[in-house]
Amino acid sequence: MFIGPVPHSRGLRIAVPLVAAEGVALVLYGVFILVQSLRLGITGPAEVSNLPAVVLEIVIFCGFGVALLFTARGLWNTHRVARAPAVLAQIIAVVVGGPLALSTELTSRVSGAIIVVVAVAAVIALLSPAVTEELG
């Protein structure tokens, strides 16, 4: 999938699969929303559950997922410019995952905790001195 040599730093070897997994998860979630909408119809409050809103939601999740996959590929190929969007995505993930982790529902709490742990691990890996040196 990724072209180029394996990155030398441990940080990139940790961060790339995490960022790629986030991208795949977002694309799969967008596909899940599409399938559920086709299977069950559009349900929920009328102001947010209409065809344009659902289409926009699917486009956003799939678009961000594909962007993260390109970012992971850029990190794998040690392109310096790929680190900033990867770190930004992790900050957004913490902002989304934090409230989920504090939710009262078990599924939301587990999902939020996983999102936060993965995002923090990716940020630590991306901002490590070895990655800074390798990306130049």
C-alpha atoms as a PDB file:
ATOM      1  CA  MET A   1       0.000   0.000   0.000  1.00  0.00           C
ATOM      2  CA  PHE A   2       2.704   2.451   0.962  1.00  0.00           C
ATOM      3  CA  ILE A   3       5.519   3.083  -1.444  1.00  0.00           C
ATOM      4  CA  GLY A   4       9.019   3.775  -0.258  1.00  0.00           C
ATOM      5  CA  PRO A   5      11.428   2.419   2.305  1.00  0.00           C
ATOM      6  CA  VAL A   6      10.387   1.599   5.852  1.00  0.00           C
ATOM      7  CA  PRO A   7      10.893   4.632   8.110  1.00  0.00           C
ATOM      8  CA  HIS A   8      13.927   4.315  10.390  1.00  0.00           C
ATOM      9  CA  SER A   9      12.519   5.907  13.533  1.00  0.00           C
ATOM     10  CA  ARG A  10      10.394   3.931  15.944  1.00  0.00           C
ATOM     11  CA  GLY A  11       8.069   6.934  16.254  1.00  0.00           C
ATOM     12  CA  LEU A  12       7.085   6.811  12.588  1.00  0.00           C
ATOM     13  CA  ARG A  13       6.732   3.043  12.675  1.00  0.00           C
ATOM     14  CA  ILE A  14       4.243   3.552  15.518  1.00  0.00           C
ATOM     15  CA  ALA A  15       2.459   6.661  14.198  1.00  0.00           C
ATOM     16  CA  VAL A  16       1.882   5.544  10.608  1.00  0.00           C
ATOM     17  CA  PRO A  17      -0.274   2.500  11.458  1.00  0.00           C
ATOM     18  CA  LEU A  18      -2.212   4.522  14.037  1.00  0.00           C
ATOM     19  CA  VAL A  19      -2.979   7.322  11.565  1.00  0.00           C
ATOM     20  CA  ALA A  20      -3.830   4.793   8.845  1.00  0.00           C
ATOM     21  CA  ALA A  21      -6.139   2.904  11.225  1.00  0.00           C
ATOM     22  CA  GLU A  22      -7.936   6.142  12.072  1.00  0.00           C
ATOM     23  CA  GLY A  23      -8.383   6.831   8.361  1.00  0.00           C
ATOM     24  CA  VAL A  24      -9.767   3.366   7.709  1.00  0.00           C
ATOM     25  CA  ALA A  25     -12.093   3.675  10.718  1.00  0.00           C
ATOM     26  CA  LEU A  26     -13.496   6.977   9.443  1.00  0.00           C
ATOM     27  CA  VAL A  27     -14.096   5.594   5.950  1.00  0.00           C
ATOM     28  CA  LEU A  28     -15.752   2.480   7.385  1.00  0.00           C
ATOM     29  CA  TYR A  29     -17.955   4.624   9.614  1.00  0.00           C
ATOM     30  CA  GLY A  30     -19.028   6.670   6.594  1.00  0.00           C
ATOM     31  CA  VAL A  31     -19.901   3.454   4.748  1.00  0.00           C
ATOM     32  CA  PHE A  32     -21.769   2.223   7.851  1.00  0.00           C
ATOM     33  CA  ILE A  33     -23.875   5.404   7.894  1.00  0.00           C
ATOM     34  CA  LEU A  34     -24.642   4.924   4.191  1.00  0.00           C
ATOM     35  CA  VAL A  35     -25.680   1.297   4.655  1.00  0.00           C
ATOM     36  CA  GLN A  36     -27.809   2.074   7.720  1.00  0.00           C
ATOM     37  CA  SER A  37     -29.504   4.959   5.917  1.00  0.00           C
ATOM     38  CA  LEU A  38     -30.320   2.745   2.954  1.00  0.00           C
ATOM     39  CA  ARG A  39     -31.419  -0.148   5.163  1.00  0.00           C
ATOM     40  CA  LEU A  40     -33.426   1.656   7.832  1.00  0.00           C
ATOM     41  CA  GLY A  41     -34.121   4.997   6.227  1.00  0.00           C
ATOM     42  CA  ILE A  42     -33.195   8.372   7.620  1.00  0.00           C
ATOM     43  CA  THR A  43     -34.300   8.606  11.252  1.00  0.00           C
ATOM     44  CA  GLY A  44     -33.994  11.203  13.989  1.00  0.00           C
ATOM     45  CA  PRO A  45     -34.881  14.875  14.429  1.00  0.00           C
ATOM     46  CA  ALA A  46     -36.056  16.479  11.187  1.00  0.00           C
ATOM     47  CA  GLU A  47     -33.559  19.367  11.290  1.00  0.00           C
ATOM     48  CA  VAL A  48     -30.565  16.995  11.135  1.00  0.00           C
ATOM     49  CA  SER A  49     -32.081  13.869   9.605  1.00  0.00           C
ATOM     50  CA  ASN A  50     -32.706  14.821   6.027  1.00  0.00           C
ATOM     51  CA  LEU A  51     -31.055  13.660   2.838  1.00  0.00           C
ATOM     52  CA  PRO A  52     -28.600  16.581   2.430  1.00  0.00           C
ATOM     53  CA  ALA A  53     -27.474  16.269   6.064  1.00  0.00           C
ATOM     54  CA  VAL A  54     -26.869  12.523   5.791  1.00  0.00           C
ATOM     55  CA  VAL A  55     -25.025  12.905   2.478  1.00  0.00           C
ATOM     56  CA  LEU A  56     -22.862  15.642   4.004  1.00  0.00           C
ATOM     57  CA  GLU A  57     -22.110  13.457   7.027  1.00  0.00           C
ATOM     58  CA  ILE A  58     -21.036  10.577   4.796  1.00  0.00           C
ATOM     59  CA  VAL A  59     -18.869  12.865   2.643  1.00  0.00           C
ATOM     60  CA  ILE A  60     -17.204  14.404   5.715  1.00  0.00           C
ATOM     61  CA  PHE A  61     -16.351  11.082   7.374  1.00  0.00           C
ATOM     62  CA  CYS A  62     -15.122   9.474   4.151  1.00  0.00           C
ATOM     63  CA  GLY A  63     -13.236  12.624   3.110  1.00  0.00           C
ATOM     64  CA  PHE A  64     -11.430  12.930   6.434  1.00  0.00           C
ATOM     65  CA  GLY A  65     -10.686   9.205   6.347  1.00  0.00           C
ATOM     66  CA  VAL A  66      -9.131   9.382   2.886  1.00  0.00           C
ATOM     67  CA  ALA A  67      -7.173  12.494   3.909  1.00  0.00           C
ATOM     68  CA  LEU A  68      -5.759  10.611   6.911  1.00  0.00           C
ATOM     69  CA  LEU A  69      -4.775   7.714   4.659  1.00  0.00           C
ATOM     70  CA  PHE A  70      -2.869  10.137   2.407  1.00  0.00           C
ATOM     71  CA  THR A  71      -1.303  11.668   5.511  1.00  0.00           C
ATOM     72  CA  ALA A  72      -0.196   8.225   6.706  1.00  0.00           C
ATOM     73  CA  ARG A  73       1.314   7.564   3.291  1.00  0.00           C
ATOM     74  CA  GLY A  74       3.165  10.872   3.436  1.00  0.00           C
ATOM     75  CA  LEU A  75       4.536   9.991   6.871  1.00  0.00           C
ATOM     76  CA  TRP A  76       5.591   6.558   5.611  1.00  0.00           C
ATOM     77  CA  ASN A  77       7.488   8.223   2.766  1.00  0.00           C
ATOM     78  CA  THR A  78       8.990  10.632   5.331  1.00  0.00           C
ATOM     79  CA  HIS A  79       7.489  13.797   3.855  1.00  0.00           C
ATOM     80  CA  ARG A  80       7.938  16.575   6.375  1.00  0.00           C
ATOM     81  CA  VAL A  81       4.644  18.271   5.478  1.00  0.00           C
ATOM     82  CA  ALA A  82       2.617  15.204   6.502  1.00  0.00           C
ATOM     83  CA  ARG A  83       3.292  15.639  10.208  1.00  0.00           C
ATOM     84  CA  ALA A  84       1.220  18.814  10.732  1.00  0.00           C
ATOM     85  CA  PRO A  85      -2.092  17.375   9.445  1.00  0.00           C
ATOM     86  CA  ALA A  86      -1.433  14.171  11.392  1.00  0.00           C
ATOM     87  CA  VAL A  87      -0.944  16.096  14.649  1.00  0.00           C
ATOM     88  CA  LEU A  88      -3.986  18.278  13.902  1.00  0.00           C
ATOM     89  CA  ALA A  89      -6.093  15.160  13.352  1.00  0.00           C
ATOM     90  CA  GLN A  90      -4.959  13.818  16.735  1.00  0.00           C
ATOM     91  CA  ILE A  91      -5.938  17.071  18.448  1.00  0.00           C
ATOM     92  CA  ILE A  92      -9.383  16.837  16.845  1.00  0.00           C
ATOM     93  CA  ALA A  93      -9.605  13.193  17.937  1.00  0.00           C
ATOM     94  CA  VAL A  94      -8.915  14.159  21.558  1.00  0.00           C
ATOM     95  CA  VAL A  95     -11.536  16.925  21.359  1.00  0.00           C
ATOM     96  CA  VAL A  96     -14.102  14.401  20.052  1.00  0.00           C
ATOM     97  CA  GLY A  97     -13.016  11.442  22.174  1.00  0.00           C
ATOM     98  CA  GLY A  98     -12.748  13.307  25.481  1.00  0.00           C
ATOM     99  CA  PRO A  99     -16.470  13.998  25.934  1.00  0.00           C
ATOM    100  CA  LEU A 100     -17.285  10.510  24.653  1.00  0.00           C
ATOM    101  CA  ALA A 101     -15.009   8.995  27.295  1.00  0.00           C
ATOM    102  CA  LEU A 102     -16.915  10.922  29.974  1.00  0.00           C
ATOM    103  CA  SER A 103     -20.319   9.774  28.698  1.00  0.00           C
ATOM    104  CA  THR A 104     -22.719   7.726  30.794  1.00  0.00           C
ATOM    105  CA  GLU A 105     -23.193   5.016  28.145  1.00  0.00           C
ATOM    106  CA  LEU A 106     -20.689   2.158  28.242  1.00  0.00           C
ATOM    107  CA  THR A 107     -20.267   1.962  24.463  1.00  0.00           C
ATOM    108  CA  SER A 108     -19.583   5.683  24.222  1.00  0.00           C
ATOM    109  CA  ARG A 109     -17.139   5.571  27.128  1.00  0.00           C
ATOM    110  CA  VAL A 110     -15.147   2.707  25.617  1.00  0.00           C
ATOM    111  CA  SER A 111     -15.142   4.308  22.150  1.00  0.00           C
ATOM    112  CA  GLY A 112     -14.024   7.637  23.589  1.00  0.00           C
ATOM    113  CA  ALA A 113     -11.280   6.054  25.665  1.00  0.00           C
ATOM    114  CA  ILE A 114      -9.940   4.174  22.641  1.00  0.00           C
ATOM    115  CA  ILE A 115      -9.994   7.342  20.520  1.00  0.00           C
ATOM    116  CA  VAL A 116      -8.138   9.342  23.180  1.00  0.00           C
ATOM    117  CA  VAL A 117      -5.511   6.651  23.854  1.00  0.00           C
ATOM    118  CA  VAL A 118      -4.763   6.199  20.138  1.00  0.00           C
ATOM    119  CA  ALA A 119      -4.593   9.960  19.562  1.00  0.00           C
ATOM    120  CA  VAL A 120      -2.260  10.581  22.511  1.00  0.00           C
ATOM    121  CA  ALA A 121      -0.003   7.691  21.462  1.00  0.00           C
ATOM    122  CA  ALA A 122       0.148   9.062  17.908  1.00  0.00           C
ATOM    123  CA  VAL A 123       0.989  12.590  19.104  1.00  0.00           C
ATOM    124  CA  ILE A 124       3.751  11.298  21.367  1.00  0.00           C
ATOM    125  CA  ALA A 125       5.169   9.265  18.480  1.00  0.00           C
ATOM    126  CA  LEU A 126       4.862  12.115  15.959  1.00  0.00           C
ATOM    127  CA  LEU A 127       6.520  14.687  18.197  1.00  0.00           C
ATOM    128  CA  SER A 128       9.394  12.481  19.320  1.00  0.00           C
ATOM    129  CA  PRO A 129      12.911  13.790  18.658  1.00  0.00           C
ATOM    130  CA  ALA A 130      13.713  10.838  16.384  1.00  0.00           C
ATOM    131  CA  VAL A 131      10.771  11.644  14.113  1.00  0.00           C
ATOM    132  CA  THR A 132      11.736  15.322  14.059  1.00  0.00           C
ATOM    133  CA  GLU A 133      15.240  14.331  12.995  1.00  0.00           C
ATOM    134  CA  GLU A 134      14.062  11.876  10.355  1.00  0.00           C
ATOM    135  CA  LEU A 135      11.544  14.263   8.815  1.00  0.00           C
ATOM    136  CA  GLY A 136      14.113  17.037   8.785  1.00  0.00           C
END
